[in-house]
Amino acid sequence: MFTNTPVLKTLSAAVLVASGSIAATTATADDFYADKTIEMVVPFGEGGATYVAAKFLEPFLEKHLPGNPRVDVQTRPGGGSILGANWFEQNAEPDGETILFTTSSTSNPYVLGMDAVEYDLAAMRPAYSLPFGAVIYVSPSTGIDSPAGLQAPDMPLIYGGIAAAASDLPTLLAFELLDLDIQTVLGFDGRGPARLAFERGETNIDFQFTPAYMSQVVDMVEAGTAVPLMTGGSVGEDGVLSARDTAFPDYPSVYEVYEELYGDAPSGVEWDAFQSIGAVTFNFGLTAYLPEGTPDEILDIFEQTITAINEDPEYQEQSQDAVGGYSLLPASEVSESLSEALQPSDEVREHLRTLLSEEYDVEL
């Protein structure tokens, strides 16, 4: 864990970067962010899940960061988040005053090595993550009432999504890993329209991230018009994406469903691909990145701040409805696993590129 050591205080309230080094005077952590503004860059438009979560966290960061800085959430949409992430790479200084807050829509293009990517997520320093689970569910018209039923549905399974290389990717990889026969229809404008297609009976298998599932799908489950089957899971203490999602402890993870269907733990390149993309999407669903070269002392500050937020009764209460009740993960619990997930083997990367190109006509 990062220690509470004296932090760097900048000349003229900013870190002076020269010849790749940082020149600074020291100050105590108690006032490091006094009279400063932190720009939190969200590489999407307003109103989406990332923006909503950023605005939810904004007052808690202002309350618990030393010196009580102003946190300013700024949207920089474009290119499916790539443009905003590229801007951050080119402009953010390692002074703790600019944060990139984003999702797997930014990490997937990086992992896949897409040409438009100019940022290096693996070189950045994660300050914290907010898990963002997902639940896969089916229509009762399929005759499926448990994961085992996926292998023999009463009718063809039809899934509606946005884009194969975007937030749909871990779900598509789960389908591949479990060797399910599912027709995929892509091109929806968002998870909301995809859910509406499910409600109209145009599709019969869907997934939703935690906030949308809790606000839109739980009522369908209670009404008997949706049957929850599994979650993407979460990374356990062993670093494997096998544990149950803490927001949905009654639902098995994809890992457990594989064990149920095939009698053994998943392995091979299909599992490695799912774990790589799934870990970034679910366990590190919303991650705040600081620029490469950010000093450890600034990470120490965020480490303690995240602990304080998690212990804040107001956060504990409000997070239930806002973000599914997940606790924030500090850098000490994120950095190693996230780095591994962002840098899969050449075999996994090639598998992903081939799958997307040949099965979903994605031009990388």
Protein backbone atom coordinates (compact mmCIF):
# COMPACT_ATOMS: atom_id res chain seq x y z
CA MET A 1 0.00 0.00 0.00
CA PHE A 2 1.16 3.51 -0.64
CA THR A 3 2.45 5.27 2.45
CA ASN A 4 1.56 8.67 3.84
CA THR A 5 4.80 10.46 3.02
CA PRO A 6 5.35 14.18 2.35
CA VAL A 7 4.05 15.07 -1.08
CA LEU A 8 5.42 17.22 -3.83
CA LYS A 9 4.19 20.78 -3.94
CA THR A 10 4.84 22.60 -7.15
CA LEU A 11 6.47 25.84 -8.07
CA SER A 12 3.70 28.30 -8.93
CA ALA A 13 1.13 25.66 -7.90
CA ALA A 14 2.10 23.30 -10.73
CA VAL A 15 4.64 20.56 -11.17
CA LEU A 16 7.55 21.86 -13.22
CA VAL A 17 8.50 19.24 -15.77
CA ALA A 18 11.90 19.75 -17.37
CA SER A 19 14.12 17.27 -19.15
CA GLY A 20 11.87 14.45 -17.96
CA SER A 21 12.26 15.32 -14.27
CA ILE A 22 10.04 17.05 -11.72
CA ALA A 23 11.34 20.01 -9.75
CA ALA A 24 9.25 20.88 -6.73
CA THR A 25 9.16 22.06 -3.17
CA THR A 26 7.60 19.93 -0.46
CA ALA A 27 4.42 20.42 1.49
CA THR A 28 2.25 18.33 3.73
CA ALA A 29 -0.53 16.16 2.38
CA ASP A 30 -3.02 18.20 4.41
CA ASP A 31 -3.03 21.10 1.96
CA PHE A 32 -1.66 19.62 -1.27
CA TYR A 33 -4.80 20.38 -3.30
CA ALA A 34 -5.68 23.65 -1.56
CA ASP A 35 -6.89 26.28 -4.06
CA LYS A 36 -6.46 23.85 -6.96
CA THR A 37 -8.86 22.51 -9.55
CA ILE A 38 -8.74 18.93 -10.77
CA GLU A 39 -9.97 18.42 -14.32
CA MET A 40 -11.63 15.03 -14.67
CA VAL A 41 -11.72 14.18 -18.37
CA VAL A 42 -14.63 11.98 -19.46
CA PRO A 43 -14.11 10.98 -23.12
CA PHE A 44 -17.85 10.65 -23.75
CA GLY A 45 -20.82 12.99 -23.96
CA GLU A 46 -22.94 14.07 -21.02
CA GLY A 47 -25.59 11.74 -19.69
CA GLY A 48 -23.85 8.40 -20.16
CA ALA A 49 -22.87 6.01 -17.38
CA THR A 50 -19.31 7.35 -17.16
CA TYR A 51 -20.42 10.98 -16.92
CA VAL A 52 -23.09 10.13 -14.34
CA ALA A 53 -20.58 8.22 -12.20
CA ALA A 54 -18.02 11.03 -12.49
CA LYS A 55 -20.55 13.61 -11.35
CA PHE A 56 -21.61 11.33 -8.51
CA LEU A 57 -18.01 10.98 -7.29
CA GLU A 58 -17.22 14.69 -7.77
CA PRO A 59 -18.44 15.98 -4.35
CA PHE A 60 -16.87 13.06 -2.48
CA LEU A 61 -13.47 13.75 -4.03
CA GLU A 62 -13.83 17.44 -3.20
CA LYS A 63 -14.73 16.52 0.39
CA HIS A 64 -11.96 14.01 1.06
CA LEU A 65 -8.97 15.09 -1.03
CA PRO A 66 -6.56 17.16 1.15
CA GLY A 67 -7.11 20.85 0.63
CA ASN A 68 -10.61 20.28 -0.75
CA PRO A 69 -9.97 21.10 -4.41
CA ARG A 70 -12.64 21.87 -6.95
CA VAL A 71 -13.27 18.88 -9.23
CA ASP A 72 -14.41 19.85 -12.71
CA VAL A 73 -15.84 17.06 -14.90
CA GLN A 74 -15.10 17.86 -18.54
CA THR A 75 -16.45 15.84 -21.47
CA ARG A 76 -14.29 15.29 -24.56
CA PRO A 77 -16.33 12.93 -26.73
CA GLY A 78 -15.41 11.56 -30.13
CA GLY A 79 -14.13 8.41 -31.77
CA GLY A 80 -15.81 6.18 -29.21
CA SER A 81 -13.64 7.78 -26.46
CA ILE A 82 -10.37 7.59 -28.43
CA LEU A 83 -10.18 11.34 -29.14
CA GLY A 84 -10.52 12.30 -25.48
CA ALA A 85 -7.95 9.73 -24.40
CA ASN A 86 -5.55 10.93 -27.10
CA TRP A 87 -5.98 14.51 -25.84
CA PHE A 88 -5.19 13.38 -22.29
CA GLU A 89 -2.04 11.57 -23.45
CA GLN A 90 -0.81 14.67 -25.28
CA ASN A 91 -1.77 17.37 -22.78
CA ALA A 92 -2.06 16.11 -19.18
CA GLU A 93 0.84 16.89 -16.84
CA PRO A 94 1.90 14.47 -14.05
CA ASP A 95 0.87 16.87 -11.29
CA GLY A 96 -2.30 15.16 -10.08
CA GLU A 97 -4.52 17.89 -11.50
CA THR A 98 -5.80 16.09 -14.61
CA ILE A 99 -7.53 12.69 -14.51
CA LEU A 100 -8.82 10.49 -17.32
CA PHE A 101 -11.99 8.73 -16.14
CA THR A 102 -13.11 6.11 -18.60
CA THR A 103 -14.28 2.60 -19.41
CA SER A 104 -13.48 -0.42 -21.56
CA SER A 105 -14.53 1.63 -24.60
CA THR A 106 -11.09 3.22 -24.18
CA SER A 107 -9.16 0.16 -23.06
CA ASN A 108 -10.49 -2.23 -25.72
CA PRO A 109 -9.07 -0.24 -28.67
CA TYR A 110 -5.77 -0.05 -26.78
CA VAL A 111 -5.67 -3.80 -26.14
CA LEU A 112 -6.60 -4.46 -29.77
CA GLY A 113 -3.87 -2.16 -31.07
CA MET A 114 -6.20 -0.02 -33.18
CA ASP A 115 -4.44 2.48 -35.42
CA ALA A 116 -6.27 5.54 -34.04
CA VAL A 117 -4.96 4.95 -30.50
CA GLU A 118 -2.19 7.36 -29.50
CA TYR A 119 -2.40 6.79 -25.75
CA ASP A 120 -0.59 4.26 -23.59
CA LEU A 121 -2.94 3.13 -20.83
CA ALA A 122 -0.46 0.61 -19.45
CA ALA A 123 2.05 3.40 -18.84
CA MET A 124 -0.48 5.58 -17.04
CA ARG A 125 -0.99 5.30 -13.29
CA PRO A 126 -4.45 4.23 -12.09
CA ALA A 127 -5.64 6.26 -9.12
CA TYR A 128 -8.76 4.22 -8.42
CA SER A 129 -11.40 2.06 -10.09
CA LEU A 130 -15.11 1.64 -9.66
CA PRO A 131 -16.32 -1.88 -10.52
CA PHE A 132 -19.14 -1.92 -13.03
CA GLY A 133 -20.82 -5.30 -13.17
CA ALA A 134 -23.13 -6.72 -15.80
CA VAL A 135 -25.91 -9.29 -15.79
CA ILE A 136 -26.82 -11.54 -18.73
CA TYR A 137 -30.50 -12.45 -18.86
CA VAL A 138 -32.94 -14.13 -21.26
CA SER A 139 -36.61 -14.05 -22.13
CA PRO A 140 -38.71 -16.80 -20.52
CA SER A 141 -40.03 -17.52 -24.03
CA THR A 142 -36.71 -19.25 -24.70
CA GLY A 143 -37.60 -21.95 -22.18
CA ILE A 144 -34.35 -21.22 -20.33
CA ASP A 145 -34.54 -21.02 -16.54
CA SER A 146 -30.88 -21.72 -15.69
CA PRO A 147 -27.49 -21.46 -17.41
CA ALA A 148 -27.68 -25.13 -18.43
CA GLY A 149 -30.65 -24.25 -20.62
CA LEU A 150 -28.45 -22.13 -22.88
CA GLN A 151 -27.31 -25.30 -24.63
CA ALA A 152 -30.84 -26.36 -25.62
CA PRO A 153 -33.18 -23.34 -25.91
CA ASP A 154 -36.73 -23.67 -27.25
CA MET A 155 -35.95 -21.14 -29.98
CA PRO A 156 -32.91 -19.51 -31.61
CA LEU A 157 -31.16 -17.02 -29.32
CA ILE A 158 -30.85 -13.46 -30.66
CA TYR A 159 -28.62 -10.84 -29.03
CA GLY A 160 -28.69 -7.12 -29.77
CA GLY A 161 -25.62 -4.94 -29.24
CA ILE A 162 -23.84 -1.72 -30.12
CA ALA A 163 -20.51 -2.73 -31.60
CA ALA A 164 -18.29 -5.78 -31.28
CA ALA A 165 -15.16 -3.85 -30.27
CA ALA A 166 -17.00 -1.69 -27.73
CA SER A 167 -18.72 -2.59 -24.46
CA ASP A 168 -20.35 -5.64 -26.07
CA LEU A 169 -16.98 -7.36 -26.43
CA PRO A 170 -16.81 -9.21 -23.08
CA THR A 171 -20.35 -10.54 -23.54
CA LEU A 172 -19.53 -11.74 -27.05
CA LEU A 173 -16.37 -13.38 -25.69
CA ALA A 174 -18.45 -15.07 -22.97
CA PHE A 175 -20.73 -16.49 -25.68
CA GLU A 176 -17.66 -17.76 -27.55
CA LEU A 177 -16.09 -19.24 -24.40
CA LEU A 178 -19.31 -21.08 -23.52
CA ASP A 179 -19.68 -22.21 -27.15
CA LEU A 180 -23.23 -20.88 -27.44
CA ASP A 181 -25.16 -20.69 -30.70
CA ILE A 182 -26.35 -17.06 -30.69
CA GLN A 183 -27.30 -14.77 -33.55
CA THR A 184 -25.85 -11.30 -32.99
CA VAL A 185 -27.45 -8.11 -34.30
CA LEU A 186 -25.20 -5.06 -33.86
CA GLY A 187 -25.74 -1.37 -34.55
CA PHE A 188 -28.00 -0.28 -31.70
CA ASP A 189 -27.42 3.29 -30.47
CA GLY A 190 -26.88 2.18 -26.89
CA ARG A 191 -27.66 -0.41 -24.24
CA GLY A 192 -31.00 1.32 -23.66
CA PRO A 193 -32.26 0.74 -27.23
CA ALA A 194 -30.93 -2.83 -27.05
CA ARG A 195 -32.96 -3.41 -23.90
CA LEU A 196 -36.08 -2.00 -25.54
CA ALA A 197 -35.61 -4.45 -28.42
CA PHE A 198 -35.54 -7.22 -25.82
CA GLU A 199 -38.74 -5.90 -24.25
CA ARG A 200 -40.43 -5.86 -27.68
CA GLY A 201 -39.41 -9.47 -28.28
CA GLU A 202 -37.05 -8.63 -31.15
CA THR A 203 -34.17 -10.16 -29.19
CA ASN A 204 -34.29 -12.71 -26.40
CA ILE A 205 -30.89 -12.54 -24.68
CA ASP A 206 -29.37 -9.32 -23.38
CA PHE A 207 -27.03 -7.86 -20.80
CA GLN A 208 -27.09 -4.60 -18.88
CA PHE A 209 -24.53 -2.93 -16.67
CA THR A 210 -25.33 -2.68 -12.98
CA PRO A 211 -27.09 0.74 -12.81
CA ALA A 212 -29.36 -0.02 -15.78
CA TYR A 213 -30.01 -3.57 -14.60
CA MET A 214 -31.03 -2.37 -11.15
CA SER A 215 -33.20 0.46 -12.43
CA GLN A 216 -34.70 -1.15 -15.56
CA VAL A 217 -34.39 -4.94 -15.50
CA VAL A 218 -35.05 -5.93 -11.88
CA ASP A 219 -38.72 -4.98 -12.34
CA MET A 220 -38.82 -7.22 -15.42
CA VAL A 221 -37.38 -10.10 -13.42
CA GLU A 222 -39.97 -9.59 -10.70
CA ALA A 223 -42.71 -9.47 -13.35
CA GLY A 224 -41.49 -12.72 -14.87
CA THR A 225 -40.49 -11.22 -18.23
CA ALA A 226 -36.72 -11.68 -17.78
CA VAL A 227 -34.64 -14.52 -16.36
CA PRO A 228 -31.19 -13.62 -14.96
CA LEU A 229 -28.53 -16.24 -15.70
CA MET A 230 -25.05 -14.99 -14.86
CA THR A 231 -22.76 -12.04 -14.33
CA GLY A 232 -19.38 -11.29 -15.83
CA GLY A 233 -17.92 -11.98 -12.39
CA SER A 234 -15.17 -10.14 -10.55
CA VAL A 235 -11.47 -10.67 -9.99
CA GLY A 236 -10.82 -12.68 -6.82
CA GLU A 237 -7.84 -12.60 -4.50
CA ASP A 238 -6.08 -15.03 -6.81
CA GLY A 239 -6.28 -12.55 -9.68
CA VAL A 240 -8.72 -14.73 -11.65
CA LEU A 241 -12.04 -13.43 -12.99
CA SER A 242 -13.91 -16.19 -11.21
CA ALA A 243 -15.53 -14.61 -8.15
CA ARG A 244 -19.17 -13.60 -7.98
CA ASP A 245 -20.18 -10.00 -8.50
CA THR A 246 -20.70 -8.53 -5.03
CA ALA A 247 -23.80 -6.67 -6.23
CA PHE A 248 -25.38 -9.94 -7.38
CA PRO A 249 -24.09 -12.70 -5.09
CA ASP A 250 -26.92 -15.08 -6.07
CA TYR A 251 -25.91 -15.15 -9.75
CA PRO A 252 -23.01 -17.34 -10.92
CA SER A 253 -20.08 -15.85 -12.82
CA VAL A 254 -19.21 -16.82 -16.38
CA TYR A 255 -16.35 -18.86 -14.88
CA GLU A 256 -18.79 -20.84 -12.72
CA VAL A 257 -21.19 -21.36 -15.62
CA TYR A 258 -18.37 -22.82 -17.70
CA GLU A 259 -17.55 -25.21 -14.86
CA GLU A 260 -21.23 -26.20 -14.62
CA LEU A 261 -21.57 -26.82 -18.36
CA TYR A 262 -18.26 -28.57 -19.00
CA GLY A 263 -17.16 -29.97 -15.64
CA ASP A 264 -13.81 -28.23 -15.58
CA ALA A 265 -12.30 -24.78 -15.15
CA PRO A 266 -12.04 -22.70 -18.33
CA SER A 267 -8.64 -22.43 -20.00
CA GLY A 268 -7.02 -21.74 -23.33
CA VAL A 269 -6.90 -18.62 -25.46
CA GLU A 270 -10.69 -18.17 -25.37
CA TRP A 271 -10.60 -17.94 -21.56
CA ASP A 272 -7.52 -15.71 -21.57
CA ALA A 273 -9.25 -13.35 -24.01
CA PHE A 274 -12.41 -13.19 -21.90
CA GLN A 275 -10.45 -12.65 -18.70
CA SER A 276 -8.36 -9.86 -20.22
CA ILE A 277 -11.29 -7.91 -21.64
CA GLY A 278 -13.71 -8.91 -18.88
CA ALA A 279 -11.44 -7.78 -16.05
CA VAL A 280 -11.02 -4.34 -17.59
CA THR A 281 -14.75 -4.05 -18.30
CA PHE A 282 -16.14 -5.33 -15.00
CA ASN A 283 -13.60 -5.22 -12.19
CA PHE A 284 -11.99 -2.02 -13.45
CA GLY A 285 -15.12 -0.83 -15.24
CA LEU A 286 -14.66 2.86 -14.50
CA THR A 287 -11.02 3.71 -13.92
CA ALA A 288 -9.36 7.03 -13.13
CA TYR A 289 -5.94 7.29 -14.78
CA LEU A 290 -3.17 9.75 -13.91
CA PRO A 291 -0.46 10.53 -16.48
CA GLU A 292 2.72 8.52 -16.78
CA GLY A 293 5.32 9.91 -14.41
CA THR A 294 2.88 10.96 -11.67
CA PRO A 295 4.84 10.75 -8.38
CA ASP A 296 4.09 8.06 -5.81
CA GLU A 297 3.28 10.78 -3.29
CA ILE A 298 0.24 11.80 -5.31
CA LEU A 299 -0.86 8.15 -5.53
CA ASP A 300 -0.50 8.01 -1.73
CA ILE A 301 -2.98 10.88 -1.44
CA PHE A 302 -5.54 9.13 -3.61
CA GLU A 303 -5.00 5.86 -1.73
CA GLN A 304 -6.04 7.48 1.54
CA THR A 305 -8.78 9.52 -0.10
CA ILE A 306 -10.43 6.44 -1.58
CA THR A 307 -10.38 4.74 1.83
CA ALA A 308 -12.05 7.80 3.35
CA ILE A 309 -14.74 7.88 0.65
CA ASN A 310 -15.53 4.19 1.09
CA GLU A 311 -15.95 4.79 4.83
CA ASP A 312 -18.17 7.84 4.32
CA PRO A 313 -21.77 6.94 5.37
CA GLU A 314 -23.17 9.30 2.73
CA TYR A 315 -21.24 7.49 0.00
CA GLN A 316 -22.31 4.10 1.33
CA GLU A 317 -25.96 5.15 1.23
CA GLN A 318 -26.02 7.07 -2.04
CA SER A 319 -23.87 4.61 -3.98
CA GLN A 320 -26.53 1.90 -3.68
CA ASP A 321 -28.75 3.61 -6.23
CA ALA A 322 -26.09 5.56 -8.12
CA VAL A 323 -23.44 2.91 -8.85
CA GLY A 324 -24.72 -0.38 -7.50
CA GLY A 325 -23.20 -0.04 -4.04
CA TYR A 326 -19.69 -0.96 -5.16
CA SER A 327 -16.74 0.26 -3.12
CA LEU A 328 -14.02 2.16 -4.92
CA LEU A 329 -10.80 0.20 -5.45
CA PRO A 330 -7.59 2.06 -4.59
CA ALA A 331 -4.46 1.86 -6.72
CA SER A 332 -2.90 -0.73 -4.42
CA GLU A 333 -5.69 -3.15 -5.36
CA VAL A 334 -5.83 -2.20 -9.03
CA SER A 335 -2.44 -1.51 -10.55
CA GLU A 336 -0.96 -4.99 -10.97
CA SER A 337 -4.08 -6.78 -12.24
CA LEU A 338 -5.08 -3.91 -14.50
CA SER A 339 -1.61 -3.74 -16.01
CA GLU A 340 -1.75 -7.45 -16.82
CA ALA A 341 -5.22 -7.10 -18.35
CA LEU A 342 -4.10 -4.20 -20.54
CA GLN A 343 -1.12 -6.14 -21.86
CA PRO A 344 -2.37 -9.54 -22.99
CA SER A 345 -0.12 -11.97 -24.76
CA ASP A 346 0.42 -11.71 -28.48
CA GLU A 347 -1.65 -14.89 -28.80
CA VAL A 348 -4.64 -13.30 -27.05
CA ARG A 349 -4.36 -10.06 -28.99
CA GLU A 350 -4.19 -11.91 -32.29
CA HIS A 351 -7.14 -14.08 -31.27
CA LEU A 352 -9.20 -10.98 -30.51
CA ARG A 353 -8.26 -9.26 -33.75
CA THR A 354 -9.01 -12.35 -35.82
CA LEU A 355 -12.34 -12.96 -34.07
CA LEU A 356 -13.51 -9.38 -34.54
CA SER A 357 -12.39 -9.26 -38.14
CA GLU A 358 -13.73 -12.61 -39.28
CA GLU A 359 -16.87 -12.95 -37.17
CA TYR A 360 -17.99 -9.32 -36.84
CA ASP A 361 -16.37 -7.55 -39.83
CA VAL A 362 -14.54 -5.08 -37.59
CA GLU A 363 -11.84 -3.09 -39.38
CA LEU A 364 -9.02 -2.51 -36.91
